[in-house]
Amino acid sequence: MTQSTDVLTHFDAQGQAHMVDVGGKSSTRRIAVATGRIEMLPATLALIASGTAKKGDVLGIARIAGIQGAKKTSDLIPLCHPIGLTRVAVEFEVLPAESTVVCTATAETIGQTGVEMEALTAVQVALLTIYDMCKAVDRGMTINGVTLLEKHGGKSGSFVAGK
C-alpha cells in the first residue's frame, strides 16, 4: 500500500515538467532508508560470501558503488536537486537459505528537500554492481523488491512503509 496525493509536483499548471522550487522551504534534517534484493544461484552466493569472486570483494565494491550512486543521483534523475549529503550508509545481509543478498541504504542531509531518491539510487547501484561483478557465473540473477522503507523530516513529516 502506498500513500499518495492528488498533485504531481514536477509539473506546472500547463503540464510542463519542471524542477520543484524548494527555495522557500526550511532546511531540516532529512533521512531516508531504502531496500532491495538480488537473488542468485547458491554457488554464486557462496562465491560472494567467501570473498573468492574473480573480481574481488563483491560486497565491499558494491558498498562503495552504492555510496557513489547516491552522490550522483541528481546527474541520473533529471528533476532531482543536487543535495549535500551528510551521510550515506550501505549495508548487506546475506541470506543463504534464499540465495539472496539484501541491500539497505540510508541517506541523510540537512536541507530543503528529501533524500528518498538518493537512498533508492544507492540500493539500485549497489545491486547492479553485484550483478556486474558476478554475471560471468550467473546471468540469471534478479533484482527486485526495491522500495522506500521510511523517510523522516521536511514538511510532509515521516513515512514508514506499511503504516
N, C-alpha and C. Protein backbone atom coordinates (compact mmCIF):
# COMPACT_ATOMS: atom_id res chain seq x y z
N MET A 1 0.84 -1.18 0.00
CA MET A 1 0.00 0.00 0.00
C MET A 1 0.89 1.24 0.00
N THR A 2 0.55 2.21 -0.81
CA THR A 2 1.33 3.44 -0.86
C THR A 2 0.47 4.62 -0.44
N GLN A 3 1.14 5.65 0.03
CA GLN A 3 0.46 6.90 0.33
C GLN A 3 0.56 7.77 -0.90
N SER A 4 -0.49 8.53 -1.20
CA SER A 4 -0.41 9.39 -2.37
C SER A 4 -1.17 10.68 -2.11
N THR A 5 -0.88 11.64 -2.98
CA THR A 5 -1.64 12.88 -3.01
C THR A 5 -2.16 13.02 -4.42
N ASP A 6 -2.98 14.03 -4.66
CA ASP A 6 -3.54 14.23 -5.99
C ASP A 6 -2.67 15.15 -6.85
N VAL A 7 -1.53 15.59 -6.32
CA VAL A 7 -0.71 16.58 -7.02
C VAL A 7 0.63 15.98 -7.41
N LEU A 8 0.96 16.08 -8.69
CA LEU A 8 2.30 15.70 -9.17
C LEU A 8 3.12 16.98 -9.19
N THR A 9 4.07 17.09 -8.30
CA THR A 9 4.79 18.36 -8.09
C THR A 9 5.79 18.69 -9.19
N HIS A 10 6.13 17.75 -10.04
CA HIS A 10 7.12 18.03 -11.08
C HIS A 10 6.48 18.54 -12.38
N PHE A 11 5.20 18.95 -12.32
CA PHE A 11 4.53 19.54 -13.47
C PHE A 11 3.93 20.87 -13.07
N ASP A 12 4.06 21.86 -13.97
CA ASP A 12 3.48 23.17 -13.68
C ASP A 12 2.01 23.18 -14.10
N ALA A 13 1.35 24.34 -13.99
CA ALA A 13 -0.07 24.45 -14.28
C ALA A 13 -0.40 24.13 -15.74
N GLN A 14 0.58 24.28 -16.63
CA GLN A 14 0.38 23.98 -18.04
C GLN A 14 0.75 22.53 -18.39
N GLY A 15 1.15 21.77 -17.39
CA GLY A 15 1.51 20.37 -17.62
C GLY A 15 2.94 20.15 -18.07
N GLN A 16 3.76 21.19 -18.00
CA GLN A 16 5.15 21.08 -18.40
C GLN A 16 6.01 20.59 -17.22
N ALA A 17 6.94 19.70 -17.52
CA ALA A 17 7.84 19.22 -16.48
C ALA A 17 8.75 20.35 -16.01
N HIS A 18 8.98 20.41 -14.70
CA HIS A 18 9.88 21.42 -14.15
C HIS A 18 10.48 20.91 -12.85
N MET A 19 11.57 21.54 -12.46
CA MET A 19 12.19 21.23 -11.17
C MET A 19 11.42 21.98 -10.09
N VAL A 20 11.04 21.27 -9.04
CA VAL A 20 10.28 21.86 -7.95
C VAL A 20 11.10 22.96 -7.27
N ASP A 21 10.47 24.09 -6.99
CA ASP A 21 11.14 25.18 -6.29
C ASP A 21 11.12 24.88 -4.79
N VAL A 22 12.29 24.65 -4.23
CA VAL A 22 12.38 24.37 -2.79
C VAL A 22 12.96 25.56 -2.03
N GLY A 23 13.13 26.68 -2.72
CA GLY A 23 13.75 27.85 -2.13
C GLY A 23 13.07 28.37 -0.89
N GLY A 24 11.76 28.24 -0.79
CA GLY A 24 11.03 28.74 0.37
C GLY A 24 10.90 27.74 1.50
N LYS A 25 11.43 26.55 1.31
CA LYS A 25 11.31 25.51 2.35
C LYS A 25 12.43 25.66 3.38
N SER A 26 12.12 25.29 4.59
CA SER A 26 13.11 25.34 5.66
C SER A 26 14.09 24.18 5.54
N SER A 27 15.32 24.43 5.92
CA SER A 27 16.31 23.35 6.00
C SER A 27 16.05 22.55 7.26
N THR A 28 15.86 21.26 7.10
CA THR A 28 15.65 20.37 8.24
C THR A 28 16.49 19.12 8.01
N ARG A 29 16.68 18.36 9.08
CA ARG A 29 17.38 17.07 8.97
C ARG A 29 16.44 16.11 8.27
N ARG A 30 16.93 15.45 7.24
CA ARG A 30 16.13 14.54 6.44
C ARG A 30 16.85 13.21 6.31
N ILE A 31 16.10 12.15 6.47
CA ILE A 31 16.66 10.80 6.43
C ILE A 31 15.73 9.93 5.59
N ALA A 32 16.31 9.06 4.78
CA ALA A 32 15.53 8.08 4.04
C ALA A 32 16.25 6.74 4.07
N VAL A 33 15.47 5.67 4.16
CA VAL A 33 16.01 4.31 4.15
C VAL A 33 15.29 3.53 3.06
N ALA A 34 16.06 2.87 2.21
CA ALA A 34 15.50 2.06 1.13
C ALA A 34 16.13 0.67 1.18
N THR A 35 15.47 -0.28 0.54
CA THR A 35 15.98 -1.65 0.50
C THR A 35 15.69 -2.29 -0.85
N GLY A 36 16.37 -3.37 -1.11
CA GLY A 36 16.15 -4.18 -2.31
C GLY A 36 16.94 -5.45 -2.18
N ARG A 37 16.74 -6.37 -3.12
CA ARG A 37 17.41 -7.67 -3.02
C ARG A 37 17.82 -8.17 -4.39
N ILE A 38 18.84 -9.02 -4.38
CA ILE A 38 19.26 -9.69 -5.60
C ILE A 38 19.30 -11.19 -5.30
N GLU A 39 18.59 -11.95 -6.13
CA GLU A 39 18.52 -13.39 -5.97
C GLU A 39 19.43 -14.03 -7.00
N MET A 40 20.07 -15.15 -6.61
CA MET A 40 21.07 -15.78 -7.47
C MET A 40 21.17 -17.26 -7.18
N LEU A 41 22.00 -17.94 -7.94
CA LEU A 41 22.26 -19.35 -7.69
C LEU A 41 23.02 -19.51 -6.37
N PRO A 42 22.79 -20.60 -5.66
CA PRO A 42 23.54 -20.82 -4.40
C PRO A 42 25.06 -20.76 -4.59
N ALA A 43 25.57 -21.26 -5.70
CA ALA A 43 27.01 -21.23 -5.94
C ALA A 43 27.52 -19.80 -6.09
N THR A 44 26.71 -18.94 -6.67
CA THR A 44 27.10 -17.53 -6.82
C THR A 44 27.16 -16.85 -5.46
N LEU A 45 26.15 -17.12 -4.64
CA LEU A 45 26.15 -16.56 -3.29
C LEU A 45 27.35 -17.06 -2.49
N ALA A 46 27.71 -18.32 -2.68
CA ALA A 46 28.87 -18.88 -1.98
C ALA A 46 30.15 -18.14 -2.38
N LEU A 47 30.29 -17.81 -3.67
CA LEU A 47 31.45 -17.03 -4.13
C LEU A 47 31.50 -15.67 -3.45
N ILE A 48 30.35 -15.02 -3.39
CA ILE A 48 30.28 -13.69 -2.76
C ILE A 48 30.64 -13.79 -1.28
N ALA A 49 30.01 -14.72 -0.59
CA ALA A 49 30.21 -14.86 0.85
C ALA A 49 31.64 -15.24 1.21
N SER A 50 32.29 -16.03 0.35
CA SER A 50 33.65 -16.48 0.64
C SER A 50 34.70 -15.43 0.28
N GLY A 51 34.29 -14.44 -0.51
CA GLY A 51 35.25 -13.42 -0.94
C GLY A 51 36.19 -13.90 -2.03
N THR A 52 35.84 -15.00 -2.71
CA THR A 52 36.73 -15.57 -3.72
C THR A 52 36.27 -15.29 -5.15
N ALA A 53 35.36 -14.35 -5.33
CA ALA A 53 34.94 -14.00 -6.69
C ALA A 53 36.15 -13.46 -7.45
N LYS A 54 36.19 -13.77 -8.74
CA LYS A 54 37.34 -13.40 -9.57
C LYS A 54 37.64 -11.89 -9.54
N LYS A 55 36.58 -11.08 -9.46
CA LYS A 55 36.76 -9.63 -9.48
C LYS A 55 37.03 -9.03 -8.10
N GLY A 56 37.06 -9.84 -7.04
CA GLY A 56 37.41 -9.33 -5.72
C GLY A 56 36.25 -9.30 -4.73
N ASP A 57 36.35 -8.39 -3.77
CA ASP A 57 35.38 -8.25 -2.69
C ASP A 57 34.09 -7.64 -3.22
N VAL A 58 33.16 -8.49 -3.62
CA VAL A 58 31.94 -8.05 -4.29
C VAL A 58 31.16 -7.07 -3.41
N LEU A 59 30.91 -7.42 -2.16
CA LEU A 59 30.09 -6.56 -1.32
C LEU A 59 30.81 -5.26 -0.94
N GLY A 60 32.11 -5.31 -0.77
CA GLY A 60 32.88 -4.09 -0.48
C GLY A 60 32.82 -3.11 -1.63
N ILE A 61 32.98 -3.63 -2.84
CA ILE A 61 32.92 -2.77 -4.02
C ILE A 61 31.50 -2.27 -4.25
N ALA A 62 30.51 -3.14 -4.04
CA ALA A 62 29.11 -2.74 -4.20
C ALA A 62 28.73 -1.65 -3.20
N ARG A 63 29.28 -1.72 -1.99
CA ARG A 63 29.01 -0.69 -0.97
C ARG A 63 29.51 0.68 -1.47
N ILE A 64 30.74 0.71 -1.96
CA ILE A 64 31.29 1.98 -2.48
C ILE A 64 30.48 2.46 -3.68
N ALA A 65 30.09 1.55 -4.56
CA ALA A 65 29.29 1.92 -5.73
C ALA A 65 27.95 2.53 -5.30
N GLY A 66 27.32 1.94 -4.29
CA GLY A 66 26.05 2.47 -3.80
C GLY A 66 26.21 3.88 -3.26
N ILE A 67 27.27 4.11 -2.51
CA ILE A 67 27.54 5.45 -1.98
C ILE A 67 27.76 6.43 -3.13
N GLN A 68 28.54 6.03 -4.12
CA GLN A 68 28.76 6.90 -5.28
C GLN A 68 27.45 7.16 -6.02
N GLY A 69 26.61 6.14 -6.13
CA GLY A 69 25.33 6.30 -6.80
C GLY A 69 24.47 7.34 -6.10
N ALA A 70 24.43 7.28 -4.78
CA ALA A 70 23.65 8.27 -4.02
C ALA A 70 24.16 9.68 -4.31
N LYS A 71 25.48 9.83 -4.36
CA LYS A 71 26.08 11.14 -4.60
C LYS A 71 25.80 11.67 -6.01
N LYS A 72 25.52 10.77 -6.95
CA LYS A 72 25.30 11.15 -8.35
C LYS A 72 23.82 11.17 -8.75
N THR A 73 22.93 11.03 -7.79
CA THR A 73 21.50 10.91 -8.12
C THR A 73 21.01 12.04 -9.00
N SER A 74 21.36 13.28 -8.70
CA SER A 74 20.85 14.40 -9.50
C SER A 74 21.40 14.40 -10.92
N ASP A 75 22.50 13.69 -11.17
CA ASP A 75 23.02 13.54 -12.53
C ASP A 75 22.24 12.49 -13.31
N LEU A 76 21.60 11.56 -12.59
CA LEU A 76 20.90 10.46 -13.23
C LEU A 76 19.40 10.69 -13.38
N ILE A 77 18.79 11.35 -12.42
CA ILE A 77 17.35 11.60 -12.41
C ILE A 77 17.16 13.08 -12.75
N PRO A 78 16.61 13.39 -13.93
CA PRO A 78 16.64 14.76 -14.45
C PRO A 78 16.12 15.86 -13.54
N LEU A 79 15.07 15.62 -12.76
CA LEU A 79 14.49 16.71 -11.98
C LEU A 79 14.85 16.68 -10.50
N CYS A 80 15.81 15.82 -10.13
CA CYS A 80 16.28 15.79 -8.74
C CYS A 80 17.22 16.95 -8.47
N HIS A 81 17.10 17.52 -7.28
CA HIS A 81 18.00 18.59 -6.86
C HIS A 81 19.34 17.99 -6.45
N PRO A 82 20.44 18.67 -6.75
CA PRO A 82 21.72 18.26 -6.16
C PRO A 82 21.64 18.48 -4.65
N ILE A 83 22.07 17.50 -3.89
CA ILE A 83 21.93 17.56 -2.44
C ILE A 83 23.29 17.38 -1.79
N GLY A 84 23.56 18.16 -0.77
CA GLY A 84 24.76 17.96 0.04
C GLY A 84 24.48 16.88 1.07
N LEU A 85 24.84 15.67 0.74
CA LEU A 85 24.59 14.56 1.65
C LEU A 85 25.52 14.65 2.85
N THR A 86 24.97 14.41 4.04
CA THR A 86 25.79 14.39 5.24
C THR A 86 26.20 12.97 5.62
N ARG A 87 25.47 11.98 5.09
CA ARG A 87 25.79 10.58 5.38
C ARG A 87 25.09 9.67 4.38
N VAL A 88 25.81 8.65 3.94
CA VAL A 88 25.21 7.56 3.16
C VAL A 88 25.81 6.28 3.72
N ALA A 89 24.95 5.35 4.10
CA ALA A 89 25.40 4.05 4.59
C ALA A 89 24.73 2.97 3.74
N VAL A 90 25.52 2.00 3.30
CA VAL A 90 25.01 0.88 2.51
C VAL A 90 25.41 -0.40 3.23
N GLU A 91 24.41 -1.20 3.54
CA GLU A 91 24.64 -2.44 4.28
C GLU A 91 24.06 -3.62 3.51
N PHE A 92 24.65 -4.79 3.74
CA PHE A 92 24.19 -6.01 3.08
C PHE A 92 23.90 -7.09 4.11
N GLU A 93 22.90 -7.90 3.80
CA GLU A 93 22.61 -9.09 4.58
C GLU A 93 22.57 -10.26 3.62
N VAL A 94 23.39 -11.26 3.86
CA VAL A 94 23.43 -12.46 3.03
C VAL A 94 22.45 -13.47 3.61
N LEU A 95 21.52 -13.94 2.78
CA LEU A 95 20.52 -14.90 3.20
C LEU A 95 20.74 -16.22 2.45
N PRO A 96 21.58 -17.11 2.98
CA PRO A 96 21.91 -18.35 2.26
C PRO A 96 20.70 -19.21 1.94
N ALA A 97 19.74 -19.29 2.84
CA ALA A 97 18.57 -20.14 2.60
C ALA A 97 17.75 -19.67 1.40
N GLU A 98 17.86 -18.40 1.07
CA GLU A 98 17.12 -17.83 -0.06
C GLU A 98 18.01 -17.51 -1.26
N SER A 99 19.30 -17.80 -1.15
CA SER A 99 20.28 -17.43 -2.19
C SER A 99 20.12 -15.96 -2.59
N THR A 100 20.10 -15.12 -1.58
CA THR A 100 19.78 -13.71 -1.77
C THR A 100 20.72 -12.82 -0.97
N VAL A 101 21.01 -11.66 -1.54
CA VAL A 101 21.67 -10.59 -0.80
C VAL A 101 20.67 -9.44 -0.72
N VAL A 102 20.42 -8.97 0.50
CA VAL A 102 19.54 -7.83 0.74
C VAL A 102 20.43 -6.61 0.97
N CYS A 103 20.10 -5.52 0.29
CA CYS A 103 20.83 -4.26 0.45
C CYS A 103 19.90 -3.25 1.11
N THR A 104 20.43 -2.55 2.10
CA THR A 104 19.69 -1.45 2.74
C THR A 104 20.59 -0.22 2.71
N ALA A 105 20.03 0.88 2.24
CA ALA A 105 20.79 2.13 2.17
C ALA A 105 20.07 3.22 2.96
N THR A 106 20.86 4.00 3.67
CA THR A 106 20.36 5.14 4.43
C THR A 106 21.06 6.39 3.89
N ALA A 107 20.28 7.40 3.57
CA ALA A 107 20.83 8.68 3.11
C ALA A 107 20.34 9.76 4.05
N GLU A 108 21.22 10.71 4.36
CA GLU A 108 20.88 11.80 5.27
C GLU A 108 21.41 13.12 4.74
N THR A 109 20.69 14.20 5.07
CA THR A 109 21.12 15.55 4.75
C THR A 109 20.47 16.52 5.72
N ILE A 110 20.95 17.72 5.73
CA ILE A 110 20.25 18.84 6.34
C ILE A 110 20.00 19.79 5.19
N GLY A 111 18.75 19.88 4.78
CA GLY A 111 18.47 20.67 3.59
C GLY A 111 16.99 20.93 3.39
N GLN A 112 16.67 21.40 2.17
CA GLN A 112 15.33 21.83 1.83
C GLN A 112 14.51 20.79 1.08
N THR A 113 15.13 19.66 0.77
CA THR A 113 14.41 18.61 0.07
C THR A 113 14.90 17.25 0.56
N GLY A 114 14.08 16.25 0.36
CA GLY A 114 14.35 14.93 0.92
C GLY A 114 15.39 14.12 0.18
N VAL A 115 15.72 12.97 0.75
CA VAL A 115 16.79 12.12 0.22
C VAL A 115 16.28 10.73 -0.16
N GLU A 116 14.97 10.62 -0.43
CA GLU A 116 14.43 9.33 -0.83
C GLU A 116 15.09 8.82 -2.11
N MET A 117 15.23 9.69 -3.09
CA MET A 117 15.81 9.26 -4.37
C MET A 117 17.27 8.82 -4.20
N GLU A 118 17.99 9.47 -3.31
CA GLU A 118 19.38 9.10 -3.07
C GLU A 118 19.47 7.72 -2.44
N ALA A 119 18.61 7.42 -1.48
CA ALA A 119 18.61 6.10 -0.85
C ALA A 119 18.22 5.02 -1.87
N LEU A 120 17.19 5.28 -2.66
CA LEU A 120 16.76 4.33 -3.68
C LEU A 120 17.83 4.11 -4.74
N THR A 121 18.49 5.17 -5.14
CA THR A 121 19.57 5.05 -6.14
C THR A 121 20.73 4.26 -5.58
N ALA A 122 21.08 4.50 -4.32
CA ALA A 122 22.17 3.74 -3.70
C ALA A 122 21.89 2.25 -3.74
N VAL A 123 20.67 1.85 -3.41
CA VAL A 123 20.30 0.43 -3.44
C VAL A 123 20.42 -0.12 -4.85
N GLN A 124 19.86 0.57 -5.82
CA GLN A 124 19.88 0.08 -7.20
C GLN A 124 21.31 -0.07 -7.73
N VAL A 125 22.13 0.93 -7.49
CA VAL A 125 23.51 0.88 -7.99
C VAL A 125 24.31 -0.21 -7.28
N ALA A 126 24.12 -0.37 -5.99
CA ALA A 126 24.82 -1.43 -5.26
C ALA A 126 24.43 -2.80 -5.80
N LEU A 127 23.13 -3.02 -6.01
CA LEU A 127 22.68 -4.32 -6.53
C LEU A 127 23.13 -4.54 -7.97
N LEU A 128 23.12 -3.50 -8.77
CA LEU A 128 23.63 -3.62 -10.15
C LEU A 128 25.12 -3.96 -10.16
N THR A 129 25.84 -3.43 -9.20
CA THR A 129 27.27 -3.73 -9.11
C THR A 129 27.49 -5.20 -8.77
N ILE A 130 26.68 -5.74 -7.86
CA ILE A 130 26.77 -7.18 -7.57
C ILE A 130 26.50 -7.97 -8.84
N TYR A 131 25.47 -7.58 -9.57
CA TYR A 131 25.16 -8.27 -10.83
C TYR A 131 26.37 -8.20 -11.77
N ASP A 132 26.91 -7.03 -11.95
CA ASP A 132 28.04 -6.85 -12.87
C ASP A 132 29.23 -7.70 -12.47
N MET A 133 29.52 -7.75 -11.20
CA MET A 133 30.70 -8.48 -10.75
C MET A 133 30.52 -9.99 -10.81
N CYS A 134 29.28 -10.45 -10.84
CA CYS A 134 29.02 -11.90 -10.80
C CYS A 134 28.38 -12.44 -12.07
N LYS A 135 28.12 -11.60 -13.04
CA LYS A 135 27.39 -12.05 -14.23
C LYS A 135 28.13 -13.11 -15.03
N ALA A 136 29.45 -13.20 -14.90
CA ALA A 136 30.20 -14.22 -15.63
C ALA A 136 29.82 -15.63 -15.19
N VAL A 137 29.35 -15.77 -13.95
CA VAL A 137 28.98 -17.09 -13.45
C VAL A 137 27.47 -17.27 -13.30
N ASP A 138 26.69 -16.16 -13.39
CA ASP A 138 25.25 -16.28 -13.15
C ASP A 138 24.51 -15.11 -13.81
N ARG A 139 24.12 -15.28 -15.05
CA ARG A 139 23.38 -14.22 -15.75
C ARG A 139 21.90 -14.20 -15.39
N GLY A 140 21.45 -15.18 -14.63
CA GLY A 140 20.04 -15.27 -14.26
C GLY A 140 19.69 -14.57 -12.95
N MET A 141 20.62 -13.83 -12.37
CA MET A 141 20.33 -13.11 -11.13
C MET A 141 19.17 -12.14 -11.37
N THR A 142 18.34 -11.93 -10.34
CA THR A 142 17.24 -10.98 -10.47
C THR A 142 17.28 -9.99 -9.31
N ILE A 143 17.05 -8.75 -9.68
CA ILE A 143 16.96 -7.66 -8.71
C ILE A 143 15.49 -7.34 -8.53
N ASN A 144 15.04 -7.29 -7.27
CA ASN A 144 13.63 -6.99 -7.06
C ASN A 144 13.41 -6.40 -5.67
N GLY A 145 12.17 -6.02 -5.44
CA GLY A 145 11.78 -5.53 -4.12
C GLY A 145 12.39 -4.20 -3.72
N VAL A 146 12.84 -3.41 -4.68
CA VAL A 146 13.44 -2.11 -4.32
C VAL A 146 12.31 -1.18 -3.88
N THR A 147 12.42 -0.69 -2.66
CA THR A 147 11.34 0.11 -2.10
C THR A 147 11.86 1.06 -1.02
N LEU A 148 11.13 2.13 -0.84
CA LEU A 148 11.42 3.05 0.26
C LEU A 148 10.83 2.47 1.54
N LEU A 149 11.65 2.29 2.55
CA LEU A 149 11.18 1.78 3.83
C LEU A 149 10.67 2.90 4.73
N GLU A 150 11.41 4.01 4.73
CA GLU A 150 11.00 5.12 5.58
C GLU A 150 11.68 6.40 5.16
N LYS A 151 11.06 7.51 5.53
CA LYS A 151 11.66 8.83 5.35
C LYS A 151 11.18 9.71 6.47
N HIS A 152 12.06 10.60 6.90
CA HIS A 152 11.75 11.50 8.01
C HIS A 152 12.25 12.89 7.68
N GLY A 153 11.54 13.89 8.18
CA GLY A 153 11.94 15.28 8.00
C GLY A 153 11.12 15.97 6.94
N GLY A 154 11.20 17.27 6.98
CA GLY A 154 10.50 18.07 5.99
C GLY A 154 9.05 18.32 6.32
N LYS A 155 8.41 19.07 5.45
CA LYS A 155 7.02 19.50 5.65
C LYS A 155 6.05 18.32 5.71
N SER A 156 6.30 17.28 4.92
CA SER A 156 5.36 16.15 4.90
C SER A 156 5.59 15.17 6.04
N GLY A 157 6.60 15.41 6.85
CA GLY A 157 6.83 14.56 8.03
C GLY A 157 7.39 13.20 7.71
N SER A 158 6.94 12.22 8.46
CA SER A 158 7.50 10.87 8.34
C SER A 158 6.62 9.95 7.52
N PHE A 159 7.27 9.02 6.85
CA PHE A 159 6.60 7.93 6.14
C PHE A 159 7.31 6.66 6.56
N VAL A 160 6.56 5.64 6.95
CA VAL A 160 7.11 4.34 7.23
C VAL A 160 6.26 3.34 6.45
N ALA A 161 6.90 2.56 5.59
CA ALA A 161 6.19 1.61 4.76
C ALA A 161 5.34 0.67 5.60
N GLY A 162 4.13 0.44 5.15
CA GLY A 162 3.24 -0.48 5.84
C GLY A 162 2.49 0.12 7.01
N LYS A 163 2.68 1.39 7.26
CA LYS A 163 1.97 2.04 8.37
C LYS A 163 1.08 3.14 7.87
